Protein backbone atom coordinates (compact mmCIF):
# COMPACT_ATOMS: atom_id res chain seq x y z
CA MET A 1 -16.97 -28.96 5.51
CA GLY A 2 -19.27 -26.49 6.65
CA SER A 3 -16.48 -24.24 7.83
CA SER A 4 -13.82 -25.00 5.79
CA ILE A 5 -12.80 -23.08 2.57
CA VAL A 6 -15.15 -24.36 -0.01
CA ASN A 7 -14.93 -22.56 -2.73
CA ARG A 8 -12.03 -24.09 -4.41
CA GLU A 9 -13.28 -22.82 -7.90
CA ALA A 10 -12.95 -18.97 -6.43
CA ARG A 11 -9.05 -19.48 -6.27
CA PHE A 12 -8.07 -15.98 -7.32
CA SER A 13 -4.67 -16.63 -6.72
CA ALA A 14 -4.06 -19.27 -9.11
CA ARG A 15 -3.98 -16.64 -11.93
CA HIS A 16 -3.11 -13.33 -12.82
CA ILE A 17 -5.92 -10.48 -12.43
CA ALA A 18 -5.40 -7.35 -14.91
CA SER A 19 -7.69 -5.10 -13.06
CA LEU A 20 -6.01 -5.50 -9.77
CA ASP A 21 -3.04 -4.53 -11.43
CA GLY A 22 -5.23 -1.04 -12.69
CA LEU A 23 -5.90 -0.84 -8.88
CA ARG A 24 -2.23 -0.97 -7.96
CA GLY A 25 -1.70 1.50 -10.27
CA LEU A 26 -4.25 4.09 -9.19
CA ALA A 27 -3.00 3.68 -5.74
CA PHE A 28 0.31 4.74 -6.52
CA LEU A 29 -0.94 7.72 -8.41
CA MET A 30 -2.69 8.67 -5.42
CA VAL A 31 0.46 8.62 -3.32
CA PHE A 32 2.05 10.60 -5.97
CA PHE A 33 0.02 13.05 -6.23
CA ARG A 34 -0.64 13.40 -2.36
CA HIS A 35 3.14 13.92 -2.15
CA TYR A 36 3.75 15.79 -5.25
CA GLY A 37 0.56 17.56 -6.32
CA MET A 38 0.51 19.14 -2.71
CA THR A 39 3.61 21.31 -3.19
CA SER A 40 2.25 22.62 -6.56
CA HIS A 41 -1.00 24.49 -6.15
CA ALA A 42 -1.56 28.39 -6.53
CA GLY A 43 -4.45 30.60 -5.45
CA ASN A 44 -6.75 30.09 -8.12
CA ILE A 45 -9.83 28.02 -7.26
CA TRP A 46 -8.99 25.04 -9.76
CA MET A 47 -5.65 24.56 -8.29
CA LYS A 48 -6.97 24.57 -4.85
CA THR A 49 -9.50 22.24 -5.55
CA ALA A 50 -6.72 19.92 -7.38
CA PHE A 51 -4.78 20.59 -3.69
CA LEU A 52 -7.44 19.53 -1.70
CA LEU A 53 -7.87 15.83 -3.87
CA CYS A 54 -4.07 15.80 -3.49
CA PHE A 55 -4.45 15.70 -0.06
CA GLY A 56 -6.34 12.61 0.19
CA GLY A 57 -4.14 10.92 -1.70
CA TRP A 58 -2.58 9.21 1.12
CA MET A 59 -5.69 6.89 1.00
CA GLY A 60 -3.59 4.90 -1.74
CA VAL A 61 -1.48 3.24 0.57
CA ASP A 62 -4.72 2.09 2.36
CA LEU A 63 -5.67 0.56 -1.25
CA PHE A 64 -2.21 -0.84 -1.36
CA PHE A 65 -3.03 -2.50 2.34
CA VAL A 66 -6.35 -3.92 0.84
CA LEU A 67 -5.20 -5.52 -2.27
CA SER A 68 -1.90 -7.06 -0.13
CA GLY A 69 -4.09 -8.40 2.45
CA PHE A 70 -6.32 -9.97 -0.21
CA LEU A 71 -3.53 -11.25 -2.36
CA ILE A 72 -1.67 -12.76 0.31
CA THR A 73 -4.36 -14.12 2.22
CA GLY A 74 -5.50 -15.75 -0.88
CA ILE A 75 -2.23 -16.96 -1.73
CA LEU A 76 -2.04 -18.21 2.07
CA LEU A 77 -5.33 -19.99 1.86
CA ASP A 78 -4.82 -21.85 -1.31
CA THR A 79 -1.40 -23.26 -0.34
CA ARG A 80 -1.84 -23.83 3.18
CA GLU A 81 -2.38 -27.42 2.89
CA LEU A 82 0.79 -28.24 0.12
CA PRO A 83 4.23 -28.97 1.13
CA GLY A 84 6.57 -26.06 1.04
CA TYR A 85 3.68 -23.84 2.82
CA PHE A 86 6.04 -21.45 4.72
CA THR A 87 9.13 -21.78 2.61
CA ASN A 88 7.89 -21.20 -0.80
CA PHE A 89 6.08 -18.36 0.45
CA TYR A 90 8.68 -16.66 2.06
CA ALA A 91 10.83 -17.04 -0.84
CA ARG A 92 8.33 -15.84 -3.52
CA ARG A 93 8.47 -13.01 -1.44
CA ALA A 94 11.74 -12.30 -0.66
CA LEU A 95 12.51 -12.38 -4.29
CA ARG A 96 10.00 -9.76 -5.21
CA ILE A 97 10.82 -7.05 -2.29
CA PHE A 98 13.92 -7.54 -1.08
CA PRO A 99 16.15 -7.33 -4.04
CA LEU A 100 15.26 -3.71 -4.84
CA TYR A 101 15.05 -2.52 -1.47
CA TYR A 102 18.22 -3.68 -0.24
CA THR A 103 19.86 -2.60 -3.16
CA VAL A 104 18.87 0.84 -2.81
CA LEU A 105 20.15 0.80 0.64
CA ALA A 106 23.35 -0.36 -0.36
CA LEU A 107 23.57 2.15 -3.04
CA LEU A 108 22.76 4.91 -0.85
CA PHE A 109 25.59 3.73 1.40
CA LEU A 110 27.94 3.48 -1.31
CA MET A 111 27.05 7.07 -2.43
CA THR A 112 27.83 8.81 0.92
CA PRO A 113 30.95 10.40 -0.05
CA TRP A 114 29.24 12.16 -2.92
CA LEU A 115 25.93 13.26 -1.45
CA HIS A 116 27.37 13.79 1.73
CA LEU A 117 24.70 11.46 3.64
CA GLU A 118 24.69 11.70 7.38
CA TRP A 119 24.03 8.24 8.78
CA HIS A 120 23.23 7.44 12.10
CA THR A 121 22.50 3.97 14.24
CA GLY A 122 18.65 4.46 14.23
CA HIS A 123 19.08 4.06 10.56
CA LEU A 124 19.70 0.65 11.00
CA ALA A 125 16.25 -0.44 11.60
CA TYR A 126 15.84 0.03 8.06
CA LEU A 127 17.26 -2.76 7.49
CA ILE A 128 14.97 -5.01 9.35
CA TYR A 129 11.83 -3.18 8.13
CA ALA A 130 11.25 -1.20 11.72
CA GLY A 131 11.83 2.34 9.75
CA ASN A 132 8.42 3.54 11.13
CA ILE A 133 8.76 2.43 14.78
CA ALA A 134 12.60 4.46 14.52
CA TYR A 135 10.95 7.34 12.63
CA ASN A 136 8.11 7.71 15.64
CA LEU A 137 11.09 7.48 18.31
CA ASP A 138 12.86 9.98 16.37
CA PRO A 139 11.44 11.87 13.60
CA SER A 140 15.35 12.77 12.16
CA LEU A 141 15.51 9.39 11.46
CA GLY A 142 12.64 9.59 8.17
CA SER A 143 15.56 10.96 6.54
CA VAL A 144 19.08 10.63 5.62
CA ARG A 145 20.56 14.65 5.63
CA PRO A 146 20.96 16.30 3.22
CA ALA A 147 19.49 14.31 0.22
CA VAL A 148 17.73 10.96 1.11
CA SER A 149 14.02 10.70 2.27
CA PHE A 150 12.70 7.75 3.94
CA LEU A 151 9.44 8.95 4.82
CA HIS A 152 7.58 6.96 2.72
CA LEU A 153 9.28 3.55 3.56
CA TRP A 154 6.86 3.18 6.93
CA SER A 155 4.25 1.24 4.86
CA LEU A 156 6.74 -1.36 3.18
CA ALA A 157 7.76 -1.98 7.07
CA VAL A 158 4.09 -2.67 8.11
CA GLU A 159 3.38 -4.89 4.95
CA GLU A 160 6.19 -7.06 5.70
CA GLN A 161 5.45 -7.01 9.54
CA PHE A 162 2.06 -8.46 8.54
CA TYR A 163 3.37 -10.83 6.33
CA PHE A 164 5.67 -12.19 9.23
CA VAL A 165 2.80 -13.08 11.37
CA TRP A 166 -0.06 -13.63 9.23
CA PRO A 167 1.28 -17.29 7.33
CA LEU A 168 1.31 -18.73 10.73
CA LEU A 169 -2.23 -17.51 11.71
CA VAL A 170 -3.82 -18.58 8.64
CA ILE A 171 -2.37 -22.07 8.87
CA LEU A 172 -3.09 -22.77 12.69
CA VAL A 173 -6.56 -21.17 12.06
CA GLY A 174 -8.20 -24.21 10.17
CA SER A 175 -12.18 -22.68 9.99
CA TRP A 176 -12.56 -19.71 7.31
CA ARG A 177 -15.25 -18.53 10.10
CA ARG A 178 -13.01 -18.33 13.17
CA LEU A 179 -10.26 -16.44 10.44
CA ALA A 180 -13.03 -13.83 9.70
CA TRP A 181 -13.74 -13.68 13.38
CA ILE A 182 -10.17 -12.97 13.97
CA CYS A 183 -10.14 -10.29 11.26
CA GLY A 184 -12.85 -8.53 12.79
CA GLY A 185 -11.55 -8.70 15.93
CA LEU A 186 -8.13 -7.76 15.54
CA SER A 187 -9.43 -4.54 13.60
CA ILE A 188 -11.72 -3.74 16.69
CA GLY A 189 -8.36 -3.95 18.67
CA GLY A 190 -6.72 -1.91 16.34
CA LEU A 191 -9.86 0.85 16.70
CA ILE A 192 -9.40 0.50 20.85
CA LEU A 193 -5.70 0.81 21.07
CA ARG A 194 -6.11 3.99 18.51
CA ILE A 195 -8.54 5.38 21.04
CA CYS A 196 -6.36 5.00 23.97
CA LEU A 197 -3.28 6.57 22.16
CA LEU A 198 -5.27 9.53 21.33
CA LEU A 199 -6.05 10.09 25.36
CA TRP A 200 -2.77 8.88 26.03
CA LEU A 201 -0.29 11.18 23.84
CA PRO A 202 -0.12 14.61 22.64
CA ARG A 203 -2.65 15.04 19.69
CA GLY A 204 0.32 15.07 16.90
CA ASP A 205 1.94 12.45 18.24
CA ALA A 206 -0.60 9.96 18.95
CA TYR A 207 -1.68 10.72 14.83
CA GLU A 208 1.82 9.92 13.89
CA TRP A 209 1.82 6.66 16.01
CA CYS A 210 -1.75 5.51 14.94
CA TYR A 211 -0.97 5.93 11.26
CA ALA A 212 2.47 4.48 10.75
CA GLN A 213 2.32 0.87 12.91
CA LEU A 214 1.04 -2.07 12.18
CA PRO A 215 -1.38 -2.79 15.13
CA THR A 216 -2.91 0.68 14.51
CA HIS A 217 -3.32 1.14 10.66
CA MET A 218 -4.22 -2.80 10.07
CA ASP A 219 -7.80 -2.25 8.98
CA GLY A 220 -6.93 -2.27 5.23
CA LEU A 221 -4.80 -5.79 5.28
CA LEU A 222 -7.52 -7.25 7.63
CA PHE A 223 -10.52 -6.17 5.44
CA GLY A 224 -8.61 -7.20 2.37
CA ALA A 225 -8.18 -10.57 4.10
CA LEU A 226 -11.88 -10.82 4.75
CA GLY A 227 -12.25 -9.89 1.10
CA ALA A 228 -10.20 -13.50 -0.19
CA ILE A 229 -11.95 -15.23 2.81
CA SER A 230 -15.65 -14.40 1.38
CA VAL A 231 -14.68 -15.33 -2.01
CA ARG A 232 -13.12 -18.73 -1.47
CA ALA A 233 -16.24 -19.55 1.37
CA ILE A 234 -19.73 -18.38 -0.51
CA PRO A 235 -20.40 -18.32 -4.14
CA PHE A 236 -18.83 -14.71 -6.02
CA ASP A 237 -22.14 -13.29 -7.12
CA GLU A 238 -23.48 -13.40 -3.44
CA VAL A 239 -20.42 -11.52 -2.67
CA VAL A 240 -20.90 -9.01 -5.18
CA ILE A 241 -24.38 -8.49 -3.73
CA ARG A 242 -23.18 -7.83 -0.20
CA ALA A 243 -20.57 -5.66 -0.94
CA LYS A 244 -23.04 -3.56 -3.17
CA ARG A 245 -24.64 -3.16 0.54
CA VAL A 246 -21.78 -2.64 2.39
CA LEU A 247 -20.71 0.16 0.02
CA PRO A 248 -22.99 2.49 0.87
CA PHE A 249 -22.58 3.02 4.42
CA ALA A 250 -18.84 2.64 4.14
CA LEU A 251 -19.00 5.34 2.08
CA ALA A 252 -21.31 7.48 3.75
CA THR A 253 -19.25 6.98 7.06
CA LEU A 254 -16.20 8.23 5.22
CA LEU A 255 -18.02 11.13 3.90
CA ILE A 256 -19.29 12.48 7.30
CA VAL A 257 -15.69 11.75 8.75
CA ILE A 258 -14.06 13.94 5.83
CA ALA A 259 -17.28 16.69 6.57
CA TRP A 260 -16.12 16.20 10.21
CA GLY A 261 -12.30 16.42 10.48
CA GLY A 262 -11.28 17.02 7.24
CA ILE A 263 -9.83 14.56 4.39
CA ASP A 264 -6.23 14.35 5.98
CA PHE A 265 -5.27 11.48 8.40
CA HIS A 266 -4.29 14.31 11.17
CA SER A 267 -7.92 14.21 12.64
CA VAL A 268 -9.73 12.27 15.34
CA PRO A 269 -12.64 11.26 13.25
CA MET A 270 -10.09 9.83 10.46
CA ILE A 271 -8.21 7.82 12.98
CA VAL A 272 -11.05 6.70 14.88
CA VAL A 273 -13.60 5.55 12.18
CA GLY A 274 -12.04 6.74 8.79
CA PHE A 275 -9.73 4.00 8.98
CA PRO A 276 -12.08 0.93 9.17
CA ALA A 277 -14.51 2.97 6.67
CA LEU A 278 -11.97 3.47 4.32
CA ALA A 279 -10.66 -0.35 4.61
CA ALA A 280 -14.36 -1.28 3.86
CA THR A 281 -14.60 0.93 1.03
CA PHE A 282 -11.69 -0.35 -0.86
CA ALA A 283 -12.25 -4.13 0.24
CA CYS A 284 -15.45 -3.38 -1.85
CA ILE A 285 -14.08 -1.89 -4.73
CA VAL A 286 -11.39 -4.54 -5.17
CA LEU A 287 -14.57 -7.53 -5.09
CA PHE A 288 -16.11 -5.38 -8.01
CA ALA A 289 -12.95 -5.22 -10.02
CA LEU A 290 -12.78 -8.62 -10.08
CA LYS A 291 -16.48 -8.91 -11.58
CA PRO A 292 -15.78 -9.60 -15.22
CA GLU A 293 -17.54 -6.62 -17.60
CA GLY A 294 -18.18 -4.88 -14.87
CA ALA A 295 -17.84 -0.71 -14.46
CA VAL A 296 -14.93 -1.18 -12.44
CA ASN A 297 -13.46 -3.93 -13.72
CA ARG A 298 -13.17 -1.97 -17.21
CA ILE A 299 -11.68 1.19 -15.43
CA CYS A 300 -8.97 -0.95 -13.53
CA SER A 301 -8.21 -2.89 -16.76
CA LEU A 302 -7.20 0.18 -18.81
CA SER A 303 -3.70 -0.20 -20.19
CA GLY A 304 -2.17 2.91 -18.34
CA PHE A 305 -3.00 2.02 -15.17
CA ARG A 306 -2.15 -1.48 -15.43
CA PHE A 307 1.31 -0.08 -16.72
CA VAL A 308 1.84 1.86 -13.37
CA GLY A 309 0.46 -1.07 -11.66
CA ARG A 310 2.91 -3.33 -13.20
CA TYR A 311 5.76 -1.32 -12.34
CA SER A 312 4.35 0.21 -9.19
CA TYR A 313 6.68 -1.50 -6.13
CA GLY A 314 9.47 0.46 -7.87
CA MET A 315 7.58 3.56 -8.55
CA TYR A 316 6.55 3.97 -4.70
CA VAL A 317 10.21 3.10 -3.57
CA TYR A 318 11.83 5.81 -5.84
CA HIS A 319 9.43 8.55 -6.17
CA ILE A 320 10.52 10.60 -3.23
CA LEU A 321 13.72 8.98 -1.97
CA PHE A 322 15.58 12.14 -2.99
CA TRP A 323 12.94 14.71 -2.16
CA PRO A 324 15.31 16.84 -0.35
CA VAL A 325 17.04 17.38 -3.63
CA LEU A 326 14.21 17.14 -5.86
CA ALA A 327 12.38 19.71 -4.13
CA ALA A 328 14.50 22.57 -5.13
CA VAL A 329 13.56 21.69 -8.94
CA GLN A 330 10.09 23.40 -8.55
CA PRO A 331 10.92 27.06 -7.78
CA TRP A 332 13.78 27.19 -10.48
CA LEU A 333 10.87 25.64 -12.91
CA GLN A 334 8.40 28.24 -11.76
CA SER A 335 10.63 30.97 -12.02
CA ARG A 336 11.75 29.98 -15.53
CA LEU A 337 8.35 29.58 -16.72
CA HIS A 338 7.11 32.73 -14.89
CA SER A 339 4.15 30.97 -13.79
CA VAL A 340 3.41 29.41 -10.40
CA VAL A 341 0.78 27.20 -11.87
CA LEU A 342 2.77 26.11 -14.97
CA GLY A 343 5.97 25.33 -13.11
CA GLY A 344 4.06 23.72 -10.65
CA VAL A 345 2.54 21.45 -12.90
CA CYS A 346 5.38 20.90 -15.21
CA PHE A 347 7.46 19.89 -11.77
CA VAL A 348 5.13 17.33 -11.07
CA LEU A 349 4.79 15.76 -14.77
CA LEU A 350 8.52 15.64 -15.02
CA MET A 351 9.21 13.86 -11.60
CA LEU A 352 6.36 11.29 -12.72
CA MET A 353 7.91 10.55 -15.84
CA ALA A 354 11.39 10.10 -14.06
CA THR A 355 9.92 7.80 -11.42
CA MET A 356 8.15 5.87 -14.45
CA VAL A 357 11.47 5.40 -16.54
CA THR A 358 13.46 4.68 -13.24
CA ALA A 359 11.36 2.14 -12.27
CA VAL A 360 10.86 0.52 -15.42
CA VAL A 361 14.37 0.01 -15.77
CA SER A 362 14.98 -0.91 -12.86
CA TYR A 363 12.29 -3.80 -13.23
CA GLU A 364 13.23 -5.09 -16.60
CA VAL A 365 17.11 -5.02 -16.29
CA TYR A 366 17.63 -6.05 -12.49
CA GLU A 367 14.56 -6.99 -10.19
CA ARG A 368 13.14 -9.54 -13.29
CA GLN A 369 16.39 -11.28 -12.96
CA TRP A 370 15.62 -12.40 -9.40
CA LEU A 371 11.73 -12.94 -10.31
CA LYS A 372 13.05 -15.75 -12.43
CA LEU A 373 14.12 -17.52 -9.37
CA LYS A 374 10.67 -17.74 -7.85
CA GLY A 375 10.12 -20.78 -10.58
CA ARG A 376 12.08 -22.69 -8.10
CA PHE A 377 9.32 -22.37 -5.34
CA THR A 378 6.44 -23.48 -6.86
CA TYR A 379 3.43 -24.72 -5.01
CA GLN A 380 2.54 -27.33 -7.37
CA LYS A 381 3.15 -27.76 -11.28
CA GLN A 382 -0.03 -25.66 -12.66
CA ALA A 383 0.63 -22.82 -10.10
CA ALA A 384 0.57 -19.51 -11.82
CA GLU A 385 3.19 -16.73 -11.44
CA PHE A 386 1.44 -14.15 -9.32
CA ALA A 387 3.18 -10.94 -8.71
CA ALA A 388 1.22 -9.51 -5.61
């Protein structure tokens, strides 16, 4: 069994890991402050610094990708020899993701007369999780004028596209070593494709195609998958030692990229080198979060981060859904409070609170009813509920 998954005692997918909830919460907060914090800075040095930090919040999506790659690949590796491999996986994924996603789309459609929404044929792409492709072909499809934004749904499309092909690949590849090599090869393929797009397309178009498509932005998913393979193939302590060796190089590369091209993804260095460096950094952090009593584990296990992580899917879907309308609240607050800074801060906190309340109510009242059905699709009697 030299090249098969031999470290069966390390089945992290068979139990709920609180620290990964916390990491998921951190990922959402990064994305949230990217979208809202960027709009609320003022001229003083502290707000400018906060603005720059928020500008890097897009990296939270890459943390989401690494977590998804790690958790989903772990589930697939641990269940690929059990009956109902495909049926159970896709049914459980659908019950977690589809109810909220499609209900939101349906409600928006029903609200068309009241919100005067201007739908186009291209918006149908969102029904099959192809909104990222549709948006790159026609940027006007990133919103439903005048009240709804779909700009953030590209990452959900990327993950769903990954879920569509990855289970088949995992079950076809019998060797963990071969699967690890495939992850590395696909990451290199994505790098080559990004370079080609940067050479062939106008720079602005190339940035968007590289950022929002699965073939060009799958490093996080693949490095997360490598993490899942590692903890099943070799002793966990050895995995952590290797991660400690990798992290300094990944972080140094990322810092060089930021110093060279800036912290945003609209730069050649970040597109070419930053994506894999970021994926490697986050993959190491995920592995550190698994180590009991470690510093990363303790931070990510804080109740506040875990709370956000528990409801992060709904928070992500809702947080800028009505951005075209909500954006008007900020200047109103700033004028009422006679302060750009105070008004901006109040706006961000107000939107965060509203997002949290909406997501919690949505989960507890609606989504949870669907999640109860996951019990009908268990891989084995002792399988634990796993909300990835």
